[in-house]
PDB file of N, CA and C in Angstrom:
ATOM      1  N   MET A   1     -31.043  14.043 -17.616  1.00  0.00           N
ATOM      2  CA  MET A   1     -29.655  14.245 -17.246  1.00  0.00           C
ATOM      3  C   MET A   1     -29.449  15.734 -17.010  1.00  0.00           C
ATOM      4  N   GLU A   2     -28.932  16.060 -15.831  1.00  0.00           N
ATOM      5  CA  GLU A   2     -28.688  17.460 -15.485  1.00  0.00           C
ATOM      6  C   GLU A   2     -27.290  17.624 -14.892  1.00  0.00           C
ATOM      7  N   ASP A   3     -26.700  18.760 -15.145  1.00  0.00           N
ATOM      8  CA  ASP A   3     -25.534  19.228 -14.395  1.00  0.00           C
ATOM      9  C   ASP A   3     -24.344  18.275 -14.441  1.00  0.00           C
ATOM     10  N   ALA A   4     -23.988  17.778 -15.625  1.00  0.00           N
ATOM     11  CA  ALA A   4     -22.826  16.887 -15.745  1.00  0.00           C
ATOM     12  C   ALA A   4     -21.549  17.671 -15.477  1.00  0.00           C
ATOM     13  N   ARG A   5     -20.700  17.104 -14.632  1.00  0.00           N
ATOM     14  CA  ARG A   5     -19.428  17.739 -14.266  1.00  0.00           C
ATOM     15  C   ARG A   5     -18.294  16.795 -14.652  1.00  0.00           C
ATOM     16  N   PHE A   6     -17.670  17.074 -15.784  1.00  0.00           N
ATOM     17  CA  PHE A   6     -16.617  16.205 -16.320  1.00  0.00           C
ATOM     18  C   PHE A   6     -15.256  16.535 -15.724  1.00  0.00           C
ATOM     19  N   VAL A   7     -14.489  15.471 -15.488  1.00  0.00           N
ATOM     20  CA  VAL A   7     -13.131  15.592 -14.962  1.00  0.00           C
ATOM     21  C   VAL A   7     -12.228  14.707 -15.817  1.00  0.00           C
ATOM     22  N   ARG A   8     -11.083  15.239 -16.208  1.00  0.00           N
ATOM     23  CA  ARG A   8     -10.109  14.481 -16.996  1.00  0.00           C
ATOM     24  C   ARG A   8      -9.200  13.712 -16.047  1.00  0.00           C
ATOM     25  N   PHE A   9      -9.026  12.412 -16.331  1.00  0.00           N
ATOM     26  CA  PHE A   9      -8.120  11.564 -15.557  1.00  0.00           C
ATOM     27  C   PHE A   9      -7.031  11.041 -16.477  1.00  0.00           C
ATOM     28  N   THR A  10      -5.806  10.978 -15.972  1.00  0.00           N
ATOM     29  CA  THR A  10      -4.686  10.369 -16.676  1.00  0.00           C
ATOM     30  C   THR A  10      -4.143   9.266 -15.780  1.00  0.00           C
ATOM     31  N   ASP A  11      -4.126   8.029 -16.277  1.00  0.00           N
ATOM     32  CA  ASP A  11      -3.646   6.935 -15.436  1.00  0.00           C
ATOM     33  C   ASP A  11      -2.120   6.880 -15.439  1.00  0.00           C
ATOM     34  N   GLU A  12      -1.566   5.919 -14.697  1.00  0.00           N
ATOM     35  CA  GLU A  12      -0.108   5.828 -14.547  1.00  0.00           C
ATOM     36  C   GLU A  12       0.609   5.499 -15.849  1.00  0.00           C
ATOM     37  N   HIS A  13      -0.129   5.049 -16.878  1.00  0.00           N
ATOM     38  CA  HIS A  13       0.467   4.749 -18.183  1.00  0.00           C
ATOM     39  C   HIS A  13       0.253   5.875 -19.193  1.00  0.00           C
ATOM     40  N   GLY A  14      -0.384   6.954 -18.762  1.00  0.00           N
ATOM     41  CA  GLY A  14      -0.608   8.103 -19.632  1.00  0.00           C
ATOM     42  C   GLY A  14      -1.921   8.083 -20.400  1.00  0.00           C
ATOM     43  N   ALA A  15      -2.741   7.041 -20.206  1.00  0.00           N
ATOM     44  CA  ALA A  15      -4.036   6.970 -20.891  1.00  0.00           C
ATOM     45  C   ALA A  15      -5.006   7.975 -20.272  1.00  0.00           C
ATOM     46  N   VAL A  16      -5.708   8.688 -21.133  1.00  0.00           N
ATOM     47  CA  VAL A  16      -6.641   9.725 -20.686  1.00  0.00           C
ATOM     48  C   VAL A  16      -8.072   9.206 -20.781  1.00  0.00           C
ATOM     49  N   SER A  17      -8.847   9.481 -19.756  1.00  0.00           N
ATOM     50  CA  SER A  17     -10.282   9.183 -19.766  1.00  0.00           C
ATOM     51  C   SER A  17     -11.000  10.328 -19.073  1.00  0.00           C
ATOM     52  N   TYR A  18     -12.302  10.349 -19.228  1.00  0.00           N
ATOM     53  CA  TYR A  18     -13.114  11.403 -18.632  1.00  0.00           C
ATOM     54  C   TYR A  18     -14.251  10.760 -17.847  1.00  0.00           C
ATOM     55  N   ASP A  19     -14.453  11.259 -16.651  1.00  0.00           N
ATOM     56  CA  ASP A  19     -15.560  10.808 -15.823  1.00  0.00           C
ATOM     57  C   ASP A  19     -16.379  12.023 -15.442  1.00  0.00           C
ATOM     58  N   ALA A  20     -17.672  11.806 -15.301  1.00  0.00           N
ATOM     59  CA  ALA A  20     -18.554  12.894 -14.892  1.00  0.00           C
ATOM     60  C   ALA A  20     -19.577  12.361 -13.905  1.00  0.00           C
ATOM     61  N   THR A  21     -19.921  13.184 -12.955  1.00  0.00           N
ATOM     62  CA  THR A  21     -21.079  12.913 -12.124  1.00  0.00           C
ATOM     63  C   THR A  21     -22.200  13.787 -12.666  1.00  0.00           C
ATOM     64  N   TYR A  22     -23.414  13.273 -12.571  1.00  0.00           N
ATOM     65  CA  TYR A  22     -24.557  14.058 -13.018  1.00  0.00           C
ATOM     66  C   TYR A  22     -25.791  13.623 -12.258  1.00  0.00           C
ATOM     67  N   THR A  23     -26.835  14.397 -12.362  1.00  0.00           N
ATOM     68  CA  THR A  23     -28.095  14.101 -11.708  1.00  0.00           C
ATOM     69  C   THR A  23     -29.048  13.485 -12.717  1.00  0.00           C
ATOM     70  N   ALA A  24     -29.531  12.297 -12.411  1.00  0.00           N
ATOM     71  CA  ALA A  24     -30.546  11.642 -13.232  1.00  0.00           C
ATOM     72  C   ALA A  24     -31.895  11.876 -12.560  1.00  0.00           C
ATOM     73  N   PHE A  25     -32.851  12.406 -13.313  1.00  0.00           N
ATOM     74  CA  PHE A  25     -34.182  12.698 -12.781  1.00  0.00           C
ATOM     75  C   PHE A  25     -35.216  12.074 -13.707  1.00  0.00           C
ATOM     76  N   ASP A  26     -36.065  11.222 -13.173  1.00  0.00           N
ATOM     77  CA  ASP A  26     -37.058  10.534 -13.988  1.00  0.00           C
ATOM     78  C   ASP A  26     -38.466  11.111 -13.853  1.00  0.00           C
ATOM     79  N   GLY A  27     -38.563  12.280 -13.276  1.00  0.00           N
ATOM     80  CA  GLY A  27     -39.862  12.907 -13.075  1.00  0.00           C
ATOM     81  C   GLY A  27     -40.367  12.781 -11.657  1.00  0.00           C
ATOM     82  N   SER A  28     -39.796  11.829 -10.914  1.00  0.00           N
ATOM     83  CA  SER A  28     -40.222  11.686  -9.517  1.00  0.00           C
ATOM     84  C   SER A  28     -39.064  11.486  -8.547  1.00  0.00           C
ATOM     85  N   SER A  29     -37.946  10.950  -9.001  1.00  0.00           N
ATOM     86  CA  SER A  29     -36.824  10.754  -8.079  1.00  0.00           C
ATOM     87  C   SER A  29     -35.513  11.225  -8.702  1.00  0.00           C
ATOM     88  N   VAL A  30     -34.592  11.600  -7.825  1.00  0.00           N
ATOM     89  CA  VAL A  30     -33.265  12.086  -8.216  1.00  0.00           C
ATOM     90  C   VAL A  30     -32.248  11.015  -7.849  1.00  0.00           C
ATOM     91  N   THR A  31     -31.361  10.703  -8.806  1.00  0.00           N
ATOM     92  CA  THR A  31     -30.322   9.707  -8.574  1.00  0.00           C
ATOM     93  C   THR A  31     -28.991  10.237  -9.097  1.00  0.00           C
ATOM     94  N   PRO A  32     -27.943  10.236  -8.266  1.00  0.00           N
ATOM     95  CA  PRO A  32     -26.627  10.617  -8.776  1.00  0.00           C
ATOM     96  C   PRO A  32     -26.021   9.471  -9.579  1.00  0.00           C
ATOM     97  N   GLN A  33     -25.495   9.781 -10.759  1.00  0.00           N
ATOM     98  CA  GLN A  33     -24.890   8.763 -11.602  1.00  0.00           C
ATOM     99  C   GLN A  33     -23.532   9.221 -12.108  1.00  0.00           C
ATOM    100  N   ARG A  34     -22.793   8.269 -12.693  1.00  0.00           N
ATOM    101  CA  ARG A  34     -21.449   8.528 -13.197  1.00  0.00           C
ATOM    102  C   ARG A  34     -21.373   8.107 -14.663  1.00  0.00           C
ATOM    103  N   LEU A  35     -20.751   8.950 -15.465  1.00  0.00           N
ATOM    104  CA  LEU A  35     -20.433   8.645 -16.864  1.00  0.00           C
ATOM    105  C   LEU A  35     -18.933   8.419 -16.975  1.00  0.00           C
ATOM    106  N   HIS A  36     -18.539   7.496 -17.842  1.00  0.00           N
ATOM    107  CA  HIS A  36     -17.122   7.280 -18.122  1.00  0.00           C
ATOM    108  C   HIS A  36     -16.958   7.183 -19.627  1.00  0.00           C
ATOM    109  N   THR A  37     -15.967   7.886 -20.178  1.00  0.00           N
ATOM    110  CA  THR A  37     -15.696   7.818 -21.615  1.00  0.00           C
ATOM    111  C   THR A  37     -14.214   8.082 -21.883  1.00  0.00           C
ATOM    112  N   THR A  38     -13.766   7.570 -22.990  1.00  0.00           N
ATOM    113  CA  THR A  38     -12.417   7.888 -23.462  1.00  0.00           C
ATOM    114  C   THR A  38     -12.461   8.659 -24.770  1.00  0.00           C
ATOM    115  N   ASP A  39     -13.641   8.683 -25.415  1.00  0.00           N
ATOM    116  CA  ASP A  39     -13.722   9.274 -26.752  1.00  0.00           C
ATOM    117  C   ASP A  39     -14.927  10.200 -26.980  1.00  0.00           C
ATOM    118  N   PHE A  40     -15.789  10.353 -26.003  1.00  0.00           N
ATOM    119  CA  PHE A  40     -17.017  11.165 -26.104  1.00  0.00           C
ATOM    120  C   PHE A  40     -17.963  10.667 -27.199  1.00  0.00           C
ATOM    121  N   ARG A  41     -17.779   9.417 -27.604  1.00  0.00           N
ATOM    122  CA  ARG A  41     -18.715   8.772 -28.532  1.00  0.00           C
ATOM    123  C   ARG A  41     -19.438   7.615 -27.857  1.00  0.00           C
ATOM    124  N   THR A  42     -18.718   6.925 -26.985  1.00  0.00           N
ATOM    125  CA  THR A  42     -19.297   5.825 -26.219  1.00  0.00           C
ATOM    126  C   THR A  42     -19.145   6.133 -24.736  1.00  0.00           C
ATOM    127  N   PHE A  43     -20.136   5.707 -23.965  1.00  0.00           N
ATOM    128  CA  PHE A  43     -20.155   6.021 -22.534  1.00  0.00           C
ATOM    129  C   PHE A  43     -20.564   4.794 -21.735  1.00  0.00           C
ATOM    130  N   GLN A  44     -19.984   4.665 -20.559  1.00  0.00           N
ATOM    131  CA  GLN A  44     -20.440   3.694 -19.572  1.00  0.00           C
ATOM    132  C   GLN A  44     -21.153   4.499 -18.489  1.00  0.00           C
ATOM    133  N   ILE A  45     -22.332   4.044 -18.093  1.00  0.00           N
ATOM    134  CA  ILE A  45     -23.106   4.743 -17.073  1.00  0.00           C
ATOM    135  C   ILE A  45     -23.288   3.822 -15.883  1.00  0.00           C
ATOM    136  N   THR A  46     -23.009   4.321 -14.693  1.00  0.00           N
ATOM    137  CA  THR A  46     -23.224   3.561 -13.467  1.00  0.00           C
ATOM    138  C   THR A  46     -23.895   4.460 -12.442  1.00  0.00           C
ATOM    139  N   GLN A  47     -24.671   3.830 -11.589  1.00  0.00           N
ATOM    140  CA  GLN A  47     -25.305   4.578 -10.509  1.00  0.00           C
ATOM    141  C   GLN A  47     -24.347   4.645  -9.334  1.00  0.00           C
ATOM    142  N   LEU A  48     -24.220   5.817  -8.743  1.00  0.00           N
ATOM    143  CA  LEU A  48     -23.394   5.973  -7.561  1.00  0.00           C
ATOM    144  C   LEU A  48     -24.167   5.473  -6.356  1.00  0.00           C
ATOM    145  N   THR A  49     -23.479   4.777  -5.472  1.00  0.00           N
ATOM    146  CA  THR A  49     -24.117   4.228  -4.281  1.00  0.00           C
ATOM    147  C   THR A  49     -23.329   4.618  -3.043  1.00  0.00           C
ATOM    148  N   GLY A  50     -23.921   4.395  -1.899  1.00  0.00           N
ATOM    149  CA  GLY A  50     -23.266   4.682  -0.630  1.00  0.00           C
ATOM    150  C   GLY A  50     -23.929   5.845   0.072  1.00  0.00           C
ATOM    151  N   PRO A  51     -23.534   6.071   1.317  1.00  0.00           N
ATOM    152  CA  PRO A  51     -24.198   7.093   2.131  1.00  0.00           C
ATOM    153  C   PRO A  51     -24.040   8.521   1.606  1.00  0.00           C
ATOM    154  N   ALA A  52     -22.997   8.794   0.860  1.00  0.00           N
ATOM    155  CA  ALA A  52     -22.784  10.154   0.353  1.00  0.00           C
ATOM    156  C   ALA A  52     -23.451  10.378  -1.006  1.00  0.00           C
ATOM    157  N   ALA A  53     -23.935   9.325  -1.629  1.00  0.00           N
ATOM    158  CA  ALA A  53     -24.511   9.424  -2.974  1.00  0.00           C
ATOM    159  C   ALA A  53     -26.007   9.709  -2.890  1.00  0.00           C
ATOM    160  N   VAL A  54     -26.327  10.894  -2.456  1.00  0.00           N
ATOM    161  CA  VAL A  54     -27.723  11.317  -2.375  1.00  0.00           C
ATOM    162  C   VAL A  54     -27.854  12.716  -2.957  1.00  0.00           C
ATOM    163  N   ASN A  55     -29.019  13.003  -3.492  1.00  0.00           N
ATOM    164  CA  ASN A  55     -29.344  14.318  -4.028  1.00  0.00           C
ATOM    165  C   ASN A  55     -28.438  14.739  -5.161  1.00  0.00           C
ATOM    166  N   LYS A  56     -28.042  16.010  -5.172  1.00  0.00           N
ATOM    167  CA  LYS A  56     -27.353  16.602  -6.310  1.00  0.00           C
ATOM    168  C   LYS A  56     -26.015  17.209  -5.896  1.00  0.00           C
ATOM    169  N   GLY A  57     -25.240  17.566  -6.907  1.00  0.00           N
ATOM    170  CA  GLY A  57     -24.091  18.428  -6.668  1.00  0.00           C
ATOM    171  C   GLY A  57     -22.761  17.766  -6.422  1.00  0.00           C
ATOM    172  N   MET A  58     -22.587  16.498  -6.762  1.00  0.00           N
ATOM    173  CA  MET A  58     -21.287  15.851  -6.568  1.00  0.00           C
ATOM    174  C   MET A  58     -20.305  16.279  -7.649  1.00  0.00           C
ATOM    175  N   ALA A  59     -19.036  16.355  -7.278  1.00  0.00           N
ATOM    176  CA  ALA A  59     -17.970  16.605  -8.247  1.00  0.00           C
ATOM    177  C   ALA A  59     -16.779  15.738  -7.870  1.00  0.00           C
ATOM    178  N   LEU A  60     -16.182  15.074  -8.863  1.00  0.00           N
ATOM    179  CA  LEU A  60     -15.030  14.209  -8.624  1.00  0.00           C
ATOM    180  C   LEU A  60     -13.746  15.022  -8.525  1.00  0.00           C
ATOM    181  N   PHE A  61     -12.818  14.541  -7.689  1.00  0.00           N
ATOM    182  CA  PHE A  61     -11.469  15.106  -7.692  1.00  0.00           C
ATOM    183  C   PHE A  61     -10.766  14.611  -8.956  1.00  0.00           C
ATOM    184  N   PRO A  62      -9.817  15.377  -9.512  1.00  0.00           N
ATOM    185  CA  PRO A  62      -9.222  15.031 -10.799  1.00  0.00           C
ATOM    186  C   PRO A  62      -8.181  13.921 -10.772  1.00  0.00           C
ATOM    187  N   ARG A  63      -7.977  13.272  -9.647  1.00  0.00           N
ATOM    188  CA  ARG A  63      -7.069  12.127  -9.589  1.00  0.00           C
ATOM    189  C   ARG A  63      -7.478  11.230  -8.426  1.00  0.00           C
ATOM    190  N   GLN A  64      -7.026   9.989  -8.491  1.00  0.00           N
ATOM    191  CA  GLN A  64      -7.301   9.075  -7.394  1.00  0.00           C
ATOM    192  C   GLN A  64      -6.379   9.392  -6.232  1.00  0.00           C
ATOM    193  N   VAL A  65      -6.840   9.131  -5.037  1.00  0.00           N
ATOM    194  CA  VAL A  65      -6.052   9.302  -3.819  1.00  0.00           C
ATOM    195  C   VAL A  65      -5.996   7.945  -3.140  1.00  0.00           C
ATOM    196  N   ALA A  66      -4.794   7.401  -2.999  1.00  0.00           N
ATOM    197  CA  ALA A  66      -4.596   6.079  -2.426  1.00  0.00           C
ATOM    198  C   ALA A  66      -5.446   5.032  -3.147  1.00  0.00           C
ATOM    199  N   GLY A  67      -5.549   5.166  -4.491  1.00  0.00           N
ATOM    200  CA  GLY A  67      -6.273   4.204  -5.300  1.00  0.00           C
ATOM    201  C   GLY A  67      -7.782   4.327  -5.282  1.00  0.00           C
ATOM    202  N   ARG A  68      -8.287   5.405  -4.691  1.00  0.00           N
ATOM    203  CA  ARG A  68      -9.743   5.593  -4.601  1.00  0.00           C
ATOM    204  C   ARG A  68     -10.156   6.901  -5.235  1.00  0.00           C
ATOM    205  N   TYR A  69     -11.351   6.900  -5.828  1.00  0.00           N
ATOM    206  CA  TYR A  69     -11.930   8.127  -6.333  1.00  0.00           C
ATOM    207  C   TYR A  69     -12.556   8.870  -5.175  1.00  0.00           C
ATOM    208  N   LEU A  70     -12.391  10.174  -5.157  1.00  0.00           N
ATOM    209  CA  LEU A  70     -12.997  11.015  -4.120  1.00  0.00           C
ATOM    210  C   LEU A  70     -13.900  12.040  -4.777  1.00  0.00           C
ATOM    211  N   ALA A  71     -14.922  12.427  -4.066  1.00  0.00           N
ATOM    212  CA  ALA A  71     -15.870  13.401  -4.592  1.00  0.00           C
ATOM    213  C   ALA A  71     -16.211  14.407  -3.501  1.00  0.00           C
ATOM    214  N   LEU A  72     -16.604  15.566  -3.931  1.00  0.00           N
ATOM    215  CA  LEU A  72     -17.001  16.640  -3.030  1.00  0.00           C
ATOM    216  C   LEU A  72     -18.474  16.900  -3.261  1.00  0.00           C
TER     217      LEU A  72
END
C-alpha cells in the first residue's frame, strides 16, 4: 500500500466517512484501490475500475457531484 490520500465526506444527514485512493503494488503490478472507513478501525477495500483507473496518483474530490464521486 502506497500513497493513501484520504478525503473526508459528509453525507446529506451529517454522517462523516473517509475515503482514500491508494496504490496497491504486489511486486509486479500496480492497481489503484479505494479504502472506506467511518472509524479508522475497520475498512472496506475495493479495486477501482474503468478507463481512468490506471497507474498511480488518483485523488478524490471531497464531495459528490450530481451523485457521483469524481477523482483527479
